[in-house]
Amino acid sequence: MDDRARRALEQVASGHVEFHTGAWGGPAGYRWSGVAGGVPTTWDGEFERLEAKHLIAIEQRLGPLERRVRVTSDGLAALGT
């Protein structure tokens, strides 16, 4: 795992990332928790790669549009925790 992927995984582990479903007109994608707007495109791609590798997962509903993003057990192992 490169440094950028590790930083993205750490952002998820610290609870700074959520997923917006795109329902009701907004675009679907990753967002910083508590902040309007999506993450920069370069970060969005990094989160998508982490999800494809099963290091993070979109799960629990936070609200009508937001989903919590969590680190999986494989992701925790990659972080060394």
N, C-alpha and C. Protein backbone atom coordinates (compact mmCIF):
# COMPACT_ATOMS: atom_id res chain seq x y z
N MET A 1 0.85 -1.17 0.00
CA MET A 1 0.00 0.00 0.00
C MET A 1 0.90 1.23 0.00
N ASP A 2 0.59 2.17 -0.88
CA ASP A 2 1.39 3.39 -0.92
C ASP A 2 0.90 4.38 0.14
N ASP A 3 1.64 5.47 0.27
CA ASP A 3 1.37 6.45 1.32
C ASP A 3 -0.01 7.10 1.16
N ARG A 4 -0.40 7.39 -0.06
CA ARG A 4 -1.71 8.02 -0.29
C ARG A 4 -2.85 7.10 0.11
N ALA A 5 -2.74 5.82 -0.24
CA ALA A 5 -3.77 4.85 0.14
C ALA A 5 -3.83 4.72 1.67
N ARG A 6 -2.68 4.71 2.31
CA ARG A 6 -2.64 4.63 3.78
C ARG A 6 -3.33 5.85 4.40
N ARG A 7 -3.04 7.03 3.89
CA ARG A 7 -3.68 8.25 4.42
C ARG A 7 -5.19 8.20 4.23
N ALA A 8 -5.64 7.73 3.06
CA ALA A 8 -7.08 7.62 2.81
C ALA A 8 -7.71 6.61 3.78
N LEU A 9 -7.06 5.50 4.00
CA LEU A 9 -7.56 4.49 4.93
C LEU A 9 -7.61 5.05 6.35
N GLU A 10 -6.61 5.81 6.72
CA GLU A 10 -6.59 6.45 8.05
C GLU A 10 -7.73 7.45 8.20
N GLN A 11 -8.07 8.18 7.12
CA GLN A 11 -9.19 9.12 7.16
C GLN A 11 -10.51 8.39 7.44
N VAL A 12 -10.68 7.23 6.81
CA VAL A 12 -11.88 6.42 7.06
C VAL A 12 -11.87 5.91 8.50
N ALA A 13 -10.73 5.40 8.94
CA ALA A 13 -10.63 4.84 10.29
C ALA A 13 -10.93 5.89 11.36
N SER A 14 -10.61 7.13 11.08
CA SER A 14 -10.84 8.19 12.07
C SER A 14 -12.24 8.79 11.96
N GLY A 15 -13.07 8.26 11.05
CA GLY A 15 -14.47 8.70 10.96
C GLY A 15 -14.67 9.96 10.16
N HIS A 16 -13.73 10.34 9.32
CA HIS A 16 -13.84 11.58 8.56
C HIS A 16 -14.50 11.44 7.20
N VAL A 17 -14.93 10.24 6.85
CA VAL A 17 -15.48 10.01 5.50
C VAL A 17 -16.87 9.38 5.60
N GLU A 18 -17.78 9.88 4.78
CA GLU A 18 -19.10 9.26 4.64
C GLU A 18 -19.39 9.13 3.15
N PHE A 19 -20.45 8.41 2.83
CA PHE A 19 -20.84 8.22 1.43
C PHE A 19 -22.22 8.80 1.24
N HIS A 20 -22.38 9.65 0.23
CA HIS A 20 -23.67 10.23 -0.11
C HIS A 20 -24.29 9.37 -1.21
N THR A 21 -25.53 8.97 -1.03
CA THR A 21 -26.18 8.01 -1.95
C THR A 21 -26.53 8.58 -3.31
N GLY A 22 -26.64 9.89 -3.40
CA GLY A 22 -27.02 10.49 -4.67
C GLY A 22 -28.52 10.55 -4.88
N ALA A 23 -29.29 10.05 -3.93
CA ALA A 23 -30.75 10.11 -4.03
C ALA A 23 -31.19 11.57 -3.94
N TRP A 24 -32.31 11.85 -4.49
CA TRP A 24 -32.93 13.17 -4.43
C TRP A 24 -32.10 14.23 -5.12
N GLY A 25 -31.38 13.88 -6.18
CA GLY A 25 -30.76 14.88 -7.02
C GLY A 25 -29.28 15.16 -6.85
N GLY A 26 -28.69 14.84 -5.74
CA GLY A 26 -27.25 15.10 -5.56
C GLY A 26 -26.43 13.97 -6.15
N PRO A 27 -25.19 14.25 -6.54
CA PRO A 27 -24.35 13.18 -7.07
C PRO A 27 -23.90 12.21 -5.98
N ALA A 28 -23.85 10.94 -6.31
CA ALA A 28 -23.36 9.94 -5.36
C ALA A 28 -21.85 10.08 -5.24
N GLY A 29 -21.34 9.79 -4.05
CA GLY A 29 -19.89 9.81 -3.87
C GLY A 29 -19.48 10.02 -2.44
N TYR A 30 -18.18 9.96 -2.23
CA TYR A 30 -17.61 10.13 -0.90
C TYR A 30 -17.58 11.60 -0.54
N ARG A 31 -17.79 11.88 0.74
CA ARG A 31 -17.76 13.24 1.27
C ARG A 31 -17.02 13.24 2.60
N TRP A 32 -16.47 14.38 2.92
CA TRP A 32 -15.91 14.54 4.27
C TRP A 32 -17.08 14.66 5.23
N SER A 33 -17.04 14.00 6.34
CA SER A 33 -18.13 14.02 7.32
C SER A 33 -18.35 15.43 7.83
N GLY A 34 -19.62 15.82 7.86
CA GLY A 34 -19.99 17.11 8.43
C GLY A 34 -19.68 18.31 7.56
N VAL A 35 -19.19 18.09 6.34
CA VAL A 35 -18.84 19.20 5.45
C VAL A 35 -19.61 19.04 4.15
N ALA A 36 -20.21 20.14 3.69
CA ALA A 36 -20.90 20.07 2.40
C ALA A 36 -19.90 19.89 1.28
N GLY A 37 -20.24 19.09 0.31
CA GLY A 37 -19.38 18.89 -0.84
C GLY A 37 -18.60 17.59 -0.76
N GLY A 38 -18.22 17.12 -1.91
CA GLY A 38 -17.50 15.86 -1.99
C GLY A 38 -16.02 16.03 -1.75
N VAL A 39 -15.36 14.92 -1.62
CA VAL A 39 -13.90 14.92 -1.47
C VAL A 39 -13.31 15.24 -2.84
N PRO A 40 -12.07 15.73 -2.91
CA PRO A 40 -11.44 15.98 -4.21
C PRO A 40 -11.40 14.70 -5.05
N THR A 41 -11.44 14.84 -6.35
CA THR A 41 -11.48 13.71 -7.27
C THR A 41 -10.37 12.71 -6.99
N THR A 42 -9.18 13.18 -6.69
CA THR A 42 -8.07 12.26 -6.43
C THR A 42 -8.33 11.41 -5.20
N TRP A 43 -8.96 11.99 -4.18
CA TRP A 43 -9.30 11.21 -2.98
C TRP A 43 -10.44 10.25 -3.28
N ASP A 44 -11.42 10.71 -4.06
CA ASP A 44 -12.57 9.87 -4.39
C ASP A 44 -12.09 8.58 -5.06
N GLY A 45 -11.17 8.70 -5.99
CA GLY A 45 -10.62 7.52 -6.65
C GLY A 45 -9.89 6.61 -5.69
N GLU A 46 -9.22 7.20 -4.72
CA GLU A 46 -8.50 6.40 -3.72
C GLU A 46 -9.48 5.61 -2.86
N PHE A 47 -10.57 6.25 -2.44
CA PHE A 47 -11.59 5.53 -1.66
C PHE A 47 -12.23 4.42 -2.48
N GLU A 48 -12.47 4.67 -3.76
CA GLU A 48 -13.03 3.63 -4.62
C GLU A 48 -12.08 2.44 -4.73
N ARG A 49 -10.79 2.69 -4.85
CA ARG A 49 -9.81 1.58 -4.91
C ARG A 49 -9.79 0.80 -3.59
N LEU A 50 -9.87 1.52 -2.47
CA LEU A 50 -9.88 0.83 -1.17
C LEU A 50 -11.13 -0.04 -1.04
N GLU A 51 -12.26 0.46 -1.53
CA GLU A 51 -13.49 -0.33 -1.48
C GLU A 51 -13.38 -1.56 -2.38
N ALA A 52 -12.81 -1.39 -3.57
CA ALA A 52 -12.66 -2.51 -4.50
C ALA A 52 -11.76 -3.60 -3.92
N LYS A 53 -10.80 -3.20 -3.10
CA LYS A 53 -9.89 -4.16 -2.45
C LYS A 53 -10.45 -4.68 -1.13
N HIS A 54 -11.68 -4.29 -0.80
CA HIS A 54 -12.38 -4.72 0.42
C HIS A 54 -11.66 -4.26 1.69
N LEU A 55 -11.03 -3.09 1.60
CA LEU A 55 -10.37 -2.52 2.79
C LEU A 55 -11.29 -1.56 3.52
N ILE A 56 -12.30 -1.04 2.82
CA ILE A 56 -13.34 -0.22 3.44
C ILE A 56 -14.68 -0.71 2.93
N ALA A 57 -15.74 -0.36 3.66
CA ALA A 57 -17.10 -0.75 3.27
C ALA A 57 -18.06 0.39 3.58
N ILE A 58 -19.02 0.58 2.70
CA ILE A 58 -20.10 1.54 2.94
C ILE A 58 -21.18 0.77 3.65
N GLU A 59 -21.62 1.30 4.79
CA GLU A 59 -22.61 0.51 5.54
C GLU A 59 -23.72 1.34 6.11
N GLN A 60 -23.80 1.40 7.36
CA GLN A 60 -24.90 1.90 8.14
C GLN A 60 -25.41 3.27 7.71
N ARG A 61 -26.71 3.38 7.71
CA ARG A 61 -27.38 4.62 7.34
C ARG A 61 -27.20 5.67 8.43
N LEU A 62 -26.73 6.86 8.04
CA LEU A 62 -26.59 7.98 8.97
C LEU A 62 -27.78 8.92 8.88
N GLY A 63 -28.37 8.98 7.74
CA GLY A 63 -29.51 9.85 7.47
C GLY A 63 -30.13 9.39 6.17
N PRO A 64 -31.07 10.16 5.64
CA PRO A 64 -31.72 9.72 4.41
C PRO A 64 -30.76 9.61 3.22
N LEU A 65 -29.66 10.35 3.24
CA LEU A 65 -28.74 10.37 2.11
C LEU A 65 -27.34 9.86 2.44
N GLU A 66 -26.97 9.84 3.71
CA GLU A 66 -25.60 9.53 4.09
C GLU A 66 -25.44 8.12 4.63
N ARG A 67 -24.32 7.51 4.28
CA ARG A 67 -23.96 6.19 4.79
C ARG A 67 -22.59 6.27 5.44
N ARG A 68 -22.43 5.58 6.53
CA ARG A 68 -21.15 5.52 7.21
C ARG A 68 -20.19 4.68 6.38
N VAL A 69 -18.93 5.06 6.38
CA VAL A 69 -17.89 4.28 5.72
C VAL A 69 -16.99 3.77 6.83
N ARG A 70 -16.71 2.46 6.82
CA ARG A 70 -15.88 1.88 7.88
C ARG A 70 -14.72 1.10 7.28
N VAL A 71 -13.72 0.89 8.10
CA VAL A 71 -12.58 0.08 7.71
C VAL A 71 -12.92 -1.38 8.01
N THR A 72 -12.69 -2.26 7.07
CA THR A 72 -12.96 -3.69 7.25
C THR A 72 -11.82 -4.33 8.04
N SER A 73 -11.98 -5.60 8.38
CA SER A 73 -10.91 -6.30 9.09
C SER A 73 -9.65 -6.38 8.23
N ASP A 74 -9.79 -6.54 6.92
CA ASP A 74 -8.63 -6.52 6.03
C ASP A 74 -7.96 -5.14 6.04
N GLY A 75 -8.79 -4.10 6.10
CA GLY A 75 -8.25 -2.75 6.17
C GLY A 75 -7.49 -2.50 7.45
N LEU A 76 -8.03 -3.00 8.56
CA LEU A 76 -7.33 -2.88 9.84
C LEU A 76 -6.01 -3.61 9.80
N ALA A 77 -5.99 -4.79 9.18
CA ALA A 77 -4.73 -5.54 9.06
C ALA A 77 -3.74 -4.75 8.22
N ALA A 78 -4.21 -4.11 7.15
CA ALA A 78 -3.31 -3.31 6.30
C ALA A 78 -2.74 -2.12 7.05
N LEU A 79 -3.52 -1.58 8.00
CA LEU A 79 -3.04 -0.48 8.81
C LEU A 79 -2.09 -0.95 9.90
N GLY A 80 -2.13 -2.25 10.16
CA GLY A 80 -1.28 -2.80 11.21
C GLY A 80 -1.84 -2.62 12.59
N THR A 81 -3.19 -2.53 12.69
CA THR A 81 -3.83 -2.39 14.01
C THR A 81 -4.64 -3.62 14.34
